[in-house]
Amino acid sequence: MQFLNSIGQRVLFGLVLLLAVLVLNFTLIHMAPGDPADVIAGEMGGATEEMMASIRKAYGLDRPFHEQLFSYVGKVFQGDLGYSYYFDQPVTELIFERLSATLLLVLTSLFLAIFLGTFLGVFASQNPNGMLSHFVTLLALLGYSLPVFWTGIMLLILLAAPPVDLFPIAGMYDVTKDGGTFDYILDVLHHLILPVVTLSTIYLAFYSRLSRASMLDVLGADYIRTARAKGLSERVVVYKHALRNGVLPVVTFAGLQFSQLFSGAVLVETVFSWPGLGTLAFDSIGRRDTPMLLGILFFSALIVIVANILTDISYRLIDPRIKTGMKT
């Protein structure tokens, strides 16, 4: 019961935070210079003053700021994110059209970074002064120092441009290719490799370093020395007793860094013309498509909040010592 109450408190706090994000985003975007009506009129090839007034009235731009804010927040909590100025389609539909591409990129990158980073850190912790440990340290240094957009551009130049031409330069799949489902999956995976390598590089370095430091602390604990004194093999000691506790910081930071992964995806999608939410957000900024941009920011915040709640639950399930529920 206490566990369920704790989850309820987390959900309630998440709703309050989501409301704050909505108000802040709406306020900041509407403080930016420029008139969205000019953008809408520009897509129409220009408009007279009467038409501009009609556009402002149709989109509610002629109302006071507080009325626009209250109206927008009320519609959002009813599931209505409005209509895109540029596409003239519901924002929700456009988001869900692009969501699968972004989730494929983000989750694949996160899984790769956590899986490889954790096991690199575990191997390095077993011999802190060995070559692998020094390699992990060097990898972390390089991962932190290289900007994600620079890494993407370098990979394109080295591996996607002639004469190497091993990977496609842009897009999620080749529209000129014909084939069945299996051929389509292979084509998507081929296009996915460079964006995933680019996005996961910095997080791979972080998780390898984090898991190495965590495992070194755990391997020095009393219960690990006791397990070794009982004659258990080093493999059992490391992977059955130490890893479960050593991976806790990795799980925690995976949830906390989910928002950073989404922000990094904006740059990666732009570099590789990946048809996800990041590219859509970048284009919406240039078009001053306020409803589209607000919808993407809201949806991203929602995903991050849900991910953090799931991280708290996972943390409790992984660590059996937590019996009293999650702390708020």
C-alpha atoms as a PDB file:
ATOM      1  CA  MET A   1       0.000   0.000   0.000  1.00  0.00           C
ATOM      2  CA  GLN A   2       2.807   2.386   0.849  1.00  0.00           C
ATOM      3  CA  PHE A   3       4.415   1.602  -2.480  1.00  0.00           C
ATOM      4  CA  LEU A   4       1.181   2.482  -4.330  1.00  0.00           C
ATOM      5  CA  ASN A   5       0.820   5.693  -2.326  1.00  0.00           C
ATOM      6  CA  SER A   6       4.358   6.630  -3.258  1.00  0.00           C
ATOM      7  CA  ILE A   7       3.600   6.040  -6.948  1.00  0.00           C
ATOM      8  CA  GLY A   8       0.464   8.173  -6.592  1.00  0.00           C
ATOM      9  CA  GLN A   9       2.516  10.992  -5.105  1.00  0.00           C
ATOM     10  CA  ARG A  10       4.983  10.742  -7.980  1.00  0.00           C
ATOM     11  CA  VAL A  11       2.160  10.896 -10.540  1.00  0.00           C
ATOM     12  CA  LEU A  12       0.607  13.914  -8.801  1.00  0.00           C
ATOM     13  CA  PHE A  13       3.966  15.693  -8.704  1.00  0.00           C
ATOM     14  CA  GLY A  14       4.440  14.833 -12.378  1.00  0.00           C
ATOM     15  CA  LEU A  15       1.103  16.453 -13.286  1.00  0.00           C
ATOM     16  CA  VAL A  16       2.036  19.631 -11.398  1.00  0.00           C
ATOM     17  CA  LEU A  17       5.405  19.692 -13.136  1.00  0.00           C
ATOM     18  CA  LEU A  18       3.739  19.141 -16.499  1.00  0.00           C
ATOM     19  CA  LEU A  19       1.440  22.104 -15.861  1.00  0.00           C
ATOM     20  CA  ALA A  20       4.436  24.276 -14.973  1.00  0.00           C
ATOM     21  CA  VAL A  21       6.203  23.203 -18.184  1.00  0.00           C
ATOM     22  CA  LEU A  22       3.120  24.064 -20.222  1.00  0.00           C
ATOM     23  CA  VAL A  23       2.822  27.557 -18.755  1.00  0.00           C
ATOM     24  CA  LEU A  24       6.557  28.265 -19.019  1.00  0.00           C
ATOM     25  CA  ASN A  25       6.845  27.072 -22.627  1.00  0.00           C
ATOM     26  CA  PHE A  26       3.753  28.996 -23.712  1.00  0.00           C
ATOM     27  CA  THR A  27       4.995  32.173 -22.029  1.00  0.00           C
ATOM     28  CA  LEU A  28       8.535  32.018 -23.414  1.00  0.00           C
ATOM     29  CA  ILE A  29       7.474  31.232 -26.971  1.00  0.00           C
ATOM     30  CA  HIS A  30       4.921  34.037 -27.013  1.00  0.00           C
ATOM     31  CA  MET A  31       7.552  36.463 -25.697  1.00  0.00           C
ATOM     32  CA  ALA A  32       9.682  35.804 -28.775  1.00  0.00           C
ATOM     33  CA  PRO A  33       9.593  38.537 -31.443  1.00  0.00           C
ATOM     34  CA  GLY A  34       7.459  38.110 -34.519  1.00  0.00           C
ATOM     35  CA  ASP A  35       3.803  37.524 -35.333  1.00  0.00           C
ATOM     36  CA  PRO A  36       2.598  33.977 -36.126  1.00  0.00           C
ATOM     37  CA  ALA A  37      -0.083  35.536 -38.324  1.00  0.00           C
ATOM     38  CA  ASP A  38       2.669  36.794 -40.632  1.00  0.00           C
ATOM     39  CA  VAL A  39       3.940  33.225 -41.018  1.00  0.00           C
ATOM     40  CA  ILE A  40       0.460  31.925 -41.805  1.00  0.00           C
ATOM     41  CA  ALA A  41      -0.097  34.731 -44.310  1.00  0.00           C
ATOM     42  CA  GLY A  42       3.297  34.039 -45.850  1.00  0.00           C
ATOM     43  CA  GLU A  43       2.280  30.461 -46.588  1.00  0.00           C
ATOM     44  CA  MET A  44      -0.780  31.893 -48.359  1.00  0.00           C
ATOM     45  CA  GLY A  45       1.389  34.160 -50.496  1.00  0.00           C
ATOM     46  CA  GLY A  46       0.526  37.332 -48.571  1.00  0.00           C
ATOM     47  CA  ALA A  47      -2.636  38.875 -47.175  1.00  0.00           C
ATOM     48  CA  THR A  48      -4.411  42.194 -46.741  1.00  0.00           C
ATOM     49  CA  GLU A  49      -5.011  43.807 -43.349  1.00  0.00           C
ATOM     50  CA  GLU A  50      -8.552  42.420 -43.336  1.00  0.00           C
ATOM     51  CA  MET A  51      -7.277  38.920 -43.982  1.00  0.00           C
ATOM     52  CA  MET A  52      -4.610  39.318 -41.284  1.00  0.00           C
ATOM     53  CA  ALA A  53      -7.303  40.314 -38.796  1.00  0.00           C
ATOM     54  CA  SER A  54      -9.357  37.302 -39.865  1.00  0.00           C
ATOM     55  CA  ILE A  55      -6.362  34.993 -39.396  1.00  0.00           C
ATOM     56  CA  ARG A  56      -5.680  36.337 -35.900  1.00  0.00           C
ATOM     57  CA  LYS A  57      -9.317  35.879 -34.949  1.00  0.00           C
ATOM     58  CA  ALA A  58      -9.490  32.351 -36.386  1.00  0.00           C
ATOM     59  CA  TYR A  59      -6.435  31.215 -34.394  1.00  0.00           C
ATOM     60  CA  GLY A  60      -7.292  33.213 -31.268  1.00  0.00           C
ATOM     61  CA  LEU A  61      -4.272  35.464 -31.671  1.00  0.00           C
ATOM     62  CA  ASP A  62      -6.352  38.606 -31.142  1.00  0.00           C
ATOM     63  CA  ARG A  63      -7.240  37.672 -27.555  1.00  0.00           C
ATOM     64  CA  PRO A  64      -5.263  38.795 -24.476  1.00  0.00           C
ATOM     65  CA  PHE A  65      -2.321  36.636 -23.458  1.00  0.00           C
ATOM     66  CA  HIS A  66      -3.930  35.219 -20.298  1.00  0.00           C
ATOM     67  CA  GLU A  67      -7.015  34.127 -22.234  1.00  0.00           C
ATOM     68  CA  GLN A  68      -4.859  32.371 -24.817  1.00  0.00           C
ATOM     69  CA  LEU A  69      -2.896  30.663 -22.025  1.00  0.00           C
ATOM     70  CA  PHE A  70      -5.946  29.420 -20.086  1.00  0.00           C
ATOM     71  CA  SER A  71      -7.598  28.257 -23.299  1.00  0.00           C
ATOM     72  CA  TYR A  72      -4.483  26.383 -24.417  1.00  0.00           C
ATOM     73  CA  VAL A  73      -3.894  24.664 -21.040  1.00  0.00           C
ATOM     74  CA  GLY A  74      -7.536  23.606 -20.876  1.00  0.00           C
ATOM     75  CA  LYS A  75      -7.428  22.107 -24.363  1.00  0.00           C
ATOM     76  CA  VAL A  76      -4.156  20.276 -23.665  1.00  0.00           C
ATOM     77  CA  PHE A  77      -5.590  18.500 -20.639  1.00  0.00           C
ATOM     78  CA  GLN A  78      -8.494  17.478 -22.861  1.00  0.00           C
ATOM     79  CA  GLY A  79      -6.039  15.934 -25.315  1.00  0.00           C
ATOM     80  CA  ASP A  80      -6.181  18.737 -27.896  1.00  0.00           C
ATOM     81  CA  LEU A  81      -2.760  20.182 -28.801  1.00  0.00           C
ATOM     82  CA  GLY A  82      -4.185  22.428 -31.505  1.00  0.00           C
ATOM     83  CA  TYR A  83      -3.514  22.690 -35.245  1.00  0.00           C
ATOM     84  CA  SER A  84      -0.196  23.274 -36.953  1.00  0.00           C
ATOM     85  CA  TYR A  85       0.039  26.637 -38.699  1.00  0.00           C
ATOM     86  CA  TYR A  86       2.259  25.197 -41.421  1.00  0.00           C
ATOM     87  CA  PHE A  87       0.718  21.768 -42.060  1.00  0.00           C
ATOM     88  CA  ASP A  88      -2.874  22.726 -41.128  1.00  0.00           C
ATOM     89  CA  GLN A  89      -3.242  19.343 -39.424  1.00  0.00           C
ATOM     90  CA  PRO A  90      -3.796  18.332 -35.787  1.00  0.00           C
ATOM     91  CA  VAL A  91      -0.525  18.556 -33.844  1.00  0.00           C
ATOM     92  CA  THR A  92      -1.240  15.226 -32.133  1.00  0.00           C
ATOM     93  CA  GLU A  93      -1.439  13.387 -35.461  1.00  0.00           C
ATOM     94  CA  LEU A  94       1.809  14.930 -36.694  1.00  0.00           C
ATOM     95  CA  ILE A  95       3.601  14.026 -33.447  1.00  0.00           C
ATOM     96  CA  PHE A  96       2.506  10.403 -33.587  1.00  0.00           C
ATOM     97  CA  GLU A  97       3.556  10.191 -37.225  1.00  0.00           C
ATOM     98  CA  ARG A  98       7.119  11.153 -36.240  1.00  0.00           C
ATOM     99  CA  LEU A  99       7.241   9.580 -32.771  1.00  0.00           C
ATOM    100  CA  SER A 100       8.125   6.060 -33.900  1.00  0.00           C
ATOM    101  CA  ALA A 101      11.236   7.284 -35.742  1.00  0.00           C
ATOM    102  CA  THR A 102      12.480   9.234 -32.714  1.00  0.00           C
ATOM    103  CA  LEU A 103      11.774   6.406 -30.274  1.00  0.00           C
ATOM    104  CA  LEU A 104      13.596   3.968 -32.545  1.00  0.00           C
ATOM    105  CA  LEU A 105      16.654   6.226 -32.580  1.00  0.00           C
ATOM    106  CA  VAL A 106      16.581   7.197 -28.884  1.00  0.00           C
ATOM    107  CA  LEU A 107      15.803   3.779 -27.389  1.00  0.00           C
ATOM    108  CA  THR A 108      18.302   1.975 -29.613  1.00  0.00           C
ATOM    109  CA  SER A 109      21.001   4.481 -28.665  1.00  0.00           C
ATOM    110  CA  LEU A 110      20.110   4.258 -24.969  1.00  0.00           C
ATOM    111  CA  PHE A 111      20.131   0.461 -24.993  1.00  0.00           C
ATOM    112  CA  LEU A 112      23.468   0.345 -26.802  1.00  0.00           C
ATOM    113  CA  ALA A 113      25.034   2.887 -24.451  1.00  0.00           C
ATOM    114  CA  ILE A 114      23.786   1.175 -21.283  1.00  0.00           C
ATOM    115  CA  PHE A 115      24.570  -2.376 -22.401  1.00  0.00           C
ATOM    116  CA  LEU A 116      28.058  -1.771 -23.772  1.00  0.00           C
ATOM    117  CA  GLY A 117      28.912   0.921 -21.234  1.00  0.00           C
ATOM    118  CA  THR A 118      27.928  -1.224 -18.251  1.00  0.00           C
ATOM    119  CA  PHE A 119      29.867  -4.260 -19.341  1.00  0.00           C
ATOM    120  CA  LEU A 120      32.919  -2.218 -20.303  1.00  0.00           C
ATOM    121  CA  GLY A 121      32.809  -0.731 -16.818  1.00  0.00           C
ATOM    122  CA  VAL A 122      32.382  -4.141 -15.190  1.00  0.00           C
ATOM    123  CA  PHE A 123      35.329  -5.609 -17.076  1.00  0.00           C
ATOM    124  CA  ALA A 124      37.459  -2.567 -16.294  1.00  0.00           C
ATOM    125  CA  SER A 125      36.629  -2.717 -12.568  1.00  0.00           C
ATOM    126  CA  GLN A 126      38.026  -6.245 -12.252  1.00  0.00           C
ATOM    127  CA  ASN A 127      41.482  -4.920 -13.137  1.00  0.00           C
ATOM    128  CA  PRO A 128      41.541  -1.176 -12.279  1.00  0.00           C
ATOM    129  CA  ASN A 129      45.136  -0.714 -13.434  1.00  0.00           C
ATOM    130  CA  GLY A 130      44.850  -2.773 -16.613  1.00  0.00           C
ATOM    131  CA  MET A 131      44.732  -1.690 -20.226  1.00  0.00           C
ATOM    132  CA  LEU A 132      40.934  -2.015 -20.453  1.00  0.00           C
ATOM    133  CA  SER A 133      40.479   0.275 -17.465  1.00  0.00           C
ATOM    134  CA  HIS A 134      42.689   2.908 -19.062  1.00  0.00           C
ATOM    135  CA  PHE A 135      40.794   2.467 -22.337  1.00  0.00           C
ATOM    136  CA  VAL A 136      37.488   3.122 -20.551  1.00  0.00           C
ATOM    137  CA  THR A 137      38.932   6.288 -19.028  1.00  0.00           C
ATOM    138  CA  LEU A 138      40.150   7.467 -22.436  1.00  0.00           C
ATOM    139  CA  LEU A 139      36.785   6.603 -23.995  1.00  0.00           C
ATOM    140  CA  ALA A 140      34.974   8.667 -21.375  1.00  0.00           C
ATOM    141  CA  LEU A 141      37.276  11.620 -21.994  1.00  0.00           C
ATOM    142  CA  LEU A 142      36.722  11.482 -25.752  1.00  0.00           C
ATOM    143  CA  GLY A 143      32.977  10.981 -25.377  1.00  0.00           C
ATOM    144  CA  TYR A 144      32.600  14.054 -23.188  1.00  0.00           C
ATOM    145  CA  SER A 145      34.822  16.269 -25.336  1.00  0.00           C
ATOM    146  CA  LEU A 146      33.340  15.546 -28.776  1.00  0.00           C
ATOM    147  CA  PRO A 147      30.134  17.495 -29.636  1.00  0.00           C
ATOM    148  CA  VAL A 148      27.438  15.175 -30.908  1.00  0.00           C
ATOM    149  CA  PHE A 149      26.825  17.187 -34.098  1.00  0.00           C
ATOM    150  CA  TRP A 150      30.566  17.188 -34.885  1.00  0.00           C
ATOM    151  CA  THR A 151      30.696  13.412 -34.443  1.00  0.00           C
ATOM    152  CA  GLY A 152      27.770  13.006 -36.826  1.00  0.00           C
ATOM    153  CA  ILE A 153      29.320  15.222 -39.483  1.00  0.00           C
ATOM    154  CA  MET A 154      32.660  13.401 -39.235  1.00  0.00           C
ATOM    155  CA  LEU A 155      30.962  10.017 -39.593  1.00  0.00           C
ATOM    156  CA  LEU A 156      29.137  11.266 -42.676  1.00  0.00           C
ATOM    157  CA  ILE A 157      32.364  12.524 -44.239  1.00  0.00           C
ATOM    158  CA  LEU A 158      34.380   9.399 -43.409  1.00  0.00           C
ATOM    159  CA  LEU A 159      31.809   6.633 -43.952  1.00  0.00           C
ATOM    160  CA  ALA A 160      28.906   7.963 -46.017  1.00  0.00           C
ATOM    161  CA  ALA A 161      30.549  10.203 -48.614  1.00  0.00           C
ATOM    162  CA  PRO A 162      32.466   8.950 -51.671  1.00  0.00           C
ATOM    163  CA  PRO A 163      34.733   7.118 -52.133  1.00  0.00           C
ATOM    164  CA  VAL A 164      33.856   5.001 -49.046  1.00  0.00           C
ATOM    165  CA  ASP A 165      30.072   5.317 -49.362  1.00  0.00           C
ATOM    166  CA  LEU A 166      29.286   2.550 -46.849  1.00  0.00           C
ATOM    167  CA  PHE A 167      26.205   4.132 -45.312  1.00  0.00           C
ATOM    168  CA  PRO A 168      23.367   6.353 -46.552  1.00  0.00           C
ATOM    169  CA  ILE A 169      23.774  10.083 -45.999  1.00  0.00           C
ATOM    170  CA  ALA A 170      20.236  10.976 -44.938  1.00  0.00           C
ATOM    171  CA  GLY A 171      16.748   9.705 -44.271  1.00  0.00           C
ATOM    172  CA  MET A 172      15.284   6.658 -42.582  1.00  0.00           C
ATOM    173  CA  TYR A 173      14.907   4.443 -45.649  1.00  0.00           C
ATOM    174  CA  ASP A 174      15.453   4.509 -49.389  1.00  0.00           C
ATOM    175  CA  VAL A 175      12.189   5.461 -51.096  1.00  0.00           C
ATOM    176  CA  THR A 176      13.466   4.172 -54.454  1.00  0.00           C
ATOM    177  CA  LYS A 177      13.901   0.596 -53.254  1.00  0.00           C
ATOM    178  CA  ASP A 178      11.216  -2.019 -53.748  1.00  0.00           C
ATOM    179  CA  GLY A 179      10.961  -5.113 -51.607  1.00  0.00           C
ATOM    180  CA  GLY A 180       9.144  -6.876 -48.819  1.00  0.00           C
ATOM    181  CA  THR A 181       9.018  -6.297 -45.082  1.00  0.00           C
ATOM    182  CA  PHE A 182      12.392  -7.944 -44.452  1.00  0.00           C
ATOM    183  CA  ASP A 183      14.103  -5.751 -47.052  1.00  0.00           C
ATOM    184  CA  TYR A 184      12.495  -2.666 -45.509  1.00  0.00           C
ATOM    185  CA  ILE A 185      13.725  -3.603 -42.007  1.00  0.00           C
ATOM    186  CA  LEU A 186      17.257  -4.125 -43.291  1.00  0.00           C
ATOM    187  CA  ASP A 187      17.146  -0.776 -45.082  1.00  0.00           C
ATOM    188  CA  VAL A 188      15.981   1.019 -41.914  1.00  0.00           C
ATOM    189  CA  LEU A 189      18.715  -0.660 -39.865  1.00  0.00           C
ATOM    190  CA  HIS A 190      21.278   0.382 -42.468  1.00  0.00           C
ATOM    191  CA  HIS A 191      20.138   4.011 -42.198  1.00  0.00           C
ATOM    192  CA  LEU A 192      20.008   3.729 -38.381  1.00  0.00           C
ATOM    193  CA  ILE A 193      23.644   2.757 -37.778  1.00  0.00           C
ATOM    194  CA  LEU A 194      25.353   6.146 -38.083  1.00  0.00           C
ATOM    195  CA  PRO A 195      22.715   8.135 -36.122  1.00  0.00           C
ATOM    196  CA  VAL A 196      22.769   5.548 -33.302  1.00  0.00           C
ATOM    197  CA  VAL A 197      26.569   5.506 -33.143  1.00  0.00           C
ATOM    198  CA  THR A 198      26.588   9.309 -33.049  1.00  0.00           C
ATOM    199  CA  LEU A 199      23.949   9.663 -30.327  1.00  0.00           C
ATOM    200  CA  SER A 200      25.184   6.802 -28.154  1.00  0.00           C
ATOM    201  CA  THR A 201      28.869   7.795 -28.139  1.00  0.00           C
ATOM    202  CA  ILE A 202      28.709  10.342 -25.334  1.00  0.00           C
ATOM    203  CA  TYR A 203      26.376   8.175 -23.228  1.00  0.00           C
ATOM    204  CA  LEU A 204      28.444   5.046 -23.810  1.00  0.00           C
ATOM    205  CA  ALA A 205      31.429   6.895 -22.384  1.00  0.00           C
ATOM    206  CA  PHE A 206      29.405   8.120 -19.406  1.00  0.00           C
ATOM    207  CA  TYR A 207      27.900   4.752 -18.481  1.00  0.00           C
ATOM    208  CA  SER A 208      31.209   2.914 -18.844  1.00  0.00           C
ATOM    209  CA  ARG A 209      32.882   5.338 -16.457  1.00  0.00           C
ATOM    210  CA  LEU A 210      29.919   5.344 -14.056  1.00  0.00           C
ATOM    211  CA  SER A 211      29.594   1.562 -13.906  1.00  0.00           C
ATOM    212  CA  ARG A 212      33.364   1.205 -13.438  1.00  0.00           C
ATOM    213  CA  ALA A 213      33.368   3.559 -10.451  1.00  0.00           C
ATOM    214  CA  SER A 214      30.247   1.960  -8.970  1.00  0.00           C
ATOM    215  CA  MET A 215      31.584  -1.574  -9.345  1.00  0.00           C
ATOM    216  CA  LEU A 216      34.889  -0.609  -7.710  1.00  0.00           C
ATOM    217  CA  ASP A 217      32.961   0.614  -4.660  1.00  0.00           C
ATOM    218  CA  VAL A 218      30.813  -2.505  -4.543  1.00  0.00           C
ATOM    219  CA  LEU A 219      33.729  -4.916  -5.008  1.00  0.00           C
ATOM    220  CA  GLY A 220      35.358  -3.395  -1.931  1.00  0.00           C
ATOM    221  CA  ALA A 221      32.309  -3.976   0.276  1.00  0.00           C
ATOM    222  CA  ASP A 222      32.330  -6.411   3.205  1.00  0.00           C
ATOM    223  CA  TYR A 223      29.728  -8.763   1.770  1.00  0.00           C
ATOM    224  CA  ILE A 224      31.844  -9.202  -1.381  1.00  0.00           C
ATOM    225  CA  ARG A 225      34.882 -10.131   0.718  1.00  0.00           C
ATOM    226  CA  THR A 226      32.672 -12.584   2.608  1.00  0.00           C
ATOM    227  CA  ALA A 227      31.478 -14.145  -0.656  1.00  0.00           C
ATOM    228  CA  ARG A 228      35.065 -14.592  -1.798  1.00  0.00           C
ATOM    229  CA  ALA A 229      36.044 -16.062   1.575  1.00  0.00           C
ATOM    230  CA  LYS A 230      33.349 -18.713   1.127  1.00  0.00           C
ATOM    231  CA  GLY A 231      35.151 -19.892  -1.987  1.00  0.00           C
ATOM    232  CA  LEU A 232      32.738 -18.593  -4.600  1.00  0.00           C
ATOM    233  CA  SER A 233      34.157 -18.153  -8.058  1.00  0.00           C
ATOM    234  CA  GLU A 234      35.050 -14.636  -9.204  1.00  0.00           C
ATOM    235  CA  ARG A 235      32.414 -14.868 -11.937  1.00  0.00           C
ATOM    236  CA  VAL A 236      29.659 -15.581  -9.396  1.00  0.00           C
ATOM    237  CA  VAL A 237      30.914 -12.854  -7.076  1.00  0.00           C
ATOM    238  CA  VAL A 238      30.984 -10.218  -9.804  1.00  0.00           C
ATOM    239  CA  TYR A 239      27.886 -11.051 -11.849  1.00  0.00           C
ATOM    240  CA  LYS A 240      25.560 -12.457  -9.189  1.00  0.00           C
ATOM    241  CA  HIS A 241      26.407 -10.461  -6.071  1.00  0.00           C
ATOM    242  CA  ALA A 242      28.179  -7.259  -7.127  1.00  0.00           C
ATOM    243  CA  LEU A 243      26.538  -6.384 -10.434  1.00  0.00           C
ATOM    244  CA  ARG A 244      23.022  -6.074  -9.021  1.00  0.00           C
ATOM    245  CA  ASN A 245      24.072  -3.307  -6.662  1.00  0.00           C
ATOM    246  CA  GLY A 246      26.681  -1.843  -8.979  1.00  0.00           C
ATOM    247  CA  VAL A 247      24.145  -1.241 -11.747  1.00  0.00           C
ATOM    248  CA  LEU A 248      21.819   0.891  -9.559  1.00  0.00           C
ATOM    249  CA  PRO A 249      23.504   4.232 -10.392  1.00  0.00           C
ATOM    250  CA  VAL A 250      23.324   3.340 -14.087  1.00  0.00           C
ATOM    251  CA  VAL A 251      19.561   2.751 -13.852  1.00  0.00           C
ATOM    252  CA  THR A 252      19.098   5.998 -11.940  1.00  0.00           C
ATOM    253  CA  PHE A 253      21.033   8.142 -14.412  1.00  0.00           C
ATOM    254  CA  ALA A 254      19.409   6.415 -17.398  1.00  0.00           C
ATOM    255  CA  GLY A 255      16.062   7.833 -16.331  1.00  0.00           C
ATOM    256  CA  LEU A 256      17.436  11.229 -15.349  1.00  0.00           C
ATOM    257  CA  GLN A 257      19.308  11.626 -18.650  1.00  0.00           C
ATOM    258  CA  PHE A 258      16.352  10.670 -20.827  1.00  0.00           C
ATOM    259  CA  SER A 259      15.623  14.356 -21.405  1.00  0.00           C
ATOM    260  CA  GLN A 260      19.231  14.970 -22.473  1.00  0.00           C
ATOM    261  CA  LEU A 261      18.964  12.068 -24.887  1.00  0.00           C
ATOM    262  CA  PHE A 262      15.916  13.697 -26.492  1.00  0.00           C
ATOM    263  CA  SER A 263      17.692  17.043 -26.780  1.00  0.00           C
ATOM    264  CA  GLY A 264      20.686  15.312 -28.353  1.00  0.00           C
ATOM    265  CA  ALA A 265      18.338  13.591 -30.783  1.00  0.00           C
ATOM    266  CA  VAL A 266      17.333  17.009 -32.163  1.00  0.00           C
ATOM    267  CA  LEU A 267      20.894  17.640 -33.348  1.00  0.00           C
ATOM    268  CA  VAL A 268      21.430  14.089 -34.601  1.00  0.00           C
ATOM    269  CA  GLU A 269      18.151  14.036 -36.515  1.00  0.00           C
ATOM    270  CA  THR A 270      19.004  17.369 -38.092  1.00  0.00           C
ATOM    271  CA  VAL A 271      22.468  16.197 -39.193  1.00  0.00           C
ATOM    272  CA  PHE A 272      21.171  12.936 -40.673  1.00  0.00           C
ATOM    273  CA  SER A 273      17.755  14.271 -41.828  1.00  0.00           C
ATOM    274  CA  TRP A 274      16.131  11.616 -39.666  1.00  0.00           C
ATOM    275  CA  PRO A 275      12.324  12.062 -39.925  1.00  0.00           C
ATOM    276  CA  GLY A 276      11.600  12.275 -36.203  1.00  0.00           C
ATOM    277  CA  LEU A 277      10.391  14.791 -33.640  1.00  0.00           C
ATOM    278  CA  GLY A 278      13.790  16.465 -33.513  1.00  0.00           C
ATOM    279  CA  THR A 279      13.718  17.413 -37.191  1.00  0.00           C
ATOM    280  CA  LEU A 280      10.084  18.451 -36.865  1.00  0.00           C
ATOM    281  CA  ALA A 281      10.938  20.690 -33.883  1.00  0.00           C
ATOM    282  CA  PHE A 282      13.879  22.257 -35.726  1.00  0.00           C
ATOM    283  CA  ASP A 283      11.723  23.011 -38.766  1.00  0.00           C
ATOM    284  CA  SER A 284       8.903  24.348 -36.571  1.00  0.00           C
ATOM    285  CA  ILE A 285      11.260  26.897 -35.005  1.00  0.00           C
ATOM    286  CA  GLY A 286      12.169  28.302 -38.418  1.00  0.00           C
ATOM    287  CA  ARG A 287       8.526  28.355 -39.505  1.00  0.00           C
ATOM    288  CA  ARG A 288       7.392  29.843 -36.168  1.00  0.00           C
ATOM    289  CA  ASP A 289       4.792  27.090 -35.997  1.00  0.00           C
ATOM    290  CA  THR A 290       3.895  27.772 -32.352  1.00  0.00           C
ATOM    291  CA  PRO A 291       1.281  25.006 -31.806  1.00  0.00           C
ATOM    292  CA  MET A 292       3.602  22.423 -33.351  1.00  0.00           C
ATOM    293  CA  LEU A 293       6.569  23.477 -31.241  1.00  0.00           C
ATOM    294  CA  LEU A 294       4.506  23.655 -28.039  1.00  0.00           C
ATOM    295  CA  GLY A 295       3.084  20.213 -28.746  1.00  0.00           C
ATOM    296  CA  ILE A 296       6.535  18.685 -29.230  1.00  0.00           C
ATOM    297  CA  LEU A 297       7.851  20.314 -26.038  1.00  0.00           C
ATOM    298  CA  PHE A 298       4.819  19.111 -24.082  1.00  0.00           C
ATOM    299  CA  PHE A 299       5.092  15.582 -25.426  1.00  0.00           C
ATOM    300  CA  SER A 300       8.818  15.448 -24.714  1.00  0.00           C
ATOM    301  CA  ALA A 301       8.234  16.613 -21.136  1.00  0.00           C
ATOM    302  CA  LEU A 302       5.522  13.981 -20.716  1.00  0.00           C
ATOM    303  CA  ILE A 303       7.849  11.213 -21.902  1.00  0.00           C
ATOM    304  CA  VAL A 304      10.627  12.392 -19.574  1.00  0.00           C
ATOM    305  CA  ILE A 305       8.314  12.517 -16.547  1.00  0.00           C
ATOM    306  CA  VAL A 306       6.944   9.041 -17.265  1.00  0.00           C
ATOM    307  CA  ALA A 307      10.494   7.738 -17.757  1.00  0.00           C
ATOM    308  CA  ASN A 308      11.546   9.142 -14.369  1.00  0.00           C
ATOM    309  CA  ILE A 309       8.578   7.488 -12.642  1.00  0.00           C
ATOM    310  CA  LEU A 310       9.420   4.162 -14.293  1.00  0.00           C
ATOM    311  CA  THR A 311      13.041   4.630 -13.200  1.00  0.00           C
ATOM    312  CA  ASP A 312      11.937   4.995  -9.580  1.00  0.00           C
ATOM    313  CA  ILE A 313       9.892   1.823  -9.844  1.00  0.00           C
ATOM    314  CA  SER A 314      12.748  -0.071 -11.522  1.00  0.00           C
ATOM    315  CA  TYR A 315      15.165   1.135  -8.841  1.00  0.00           C
ATOM    316  CA  ARG A 316      12.968  -0.359  -6.137  1.00  0.00           C
ATOM    317  CA  LEU A 317      12.527  -3.648  -7.984  1.00  0.00           C
ATOM    318  CA  ILE A 318      16.269  -4.027  -8.625  1.00  0.00           C
ATOM    319  CA  ASP A 319      17.303  -3.235  -5.049  1.00  0.00           C
ATOM    320  CA  PRO A 320      15.524  -5.685  -2.674  1.00  0.00           C
ATOM    321  CA  ARG A 321      16.675  -3.668   0.352  1.00  0.00           C
ATOM    322  CA  ILE A 322      14.144  -0.940  -0.431  1.00  0.00           C
ATOM    323  CA  LYS A 323      11.079  -2.141   1.480  1.00  0.00           C
ATOM    324  CA  THR A 324       9.394   1.073   2.468  1.00  0.00           C
ATOM    325  CA  GLY A 325       8.571   2.425  -0.992  1.00  0.00           C
ATOM    326  CA  MET A 326      10.144   5.187  -3.000  1.00  0.00           C
ATOM    327  CA  LYS A 327      11.188   8.331  -1.212  1.00  0.00           C
ATOM    328  CA  THR A 328       9.772  11.638  -2.369  1.00  0.00           C
END
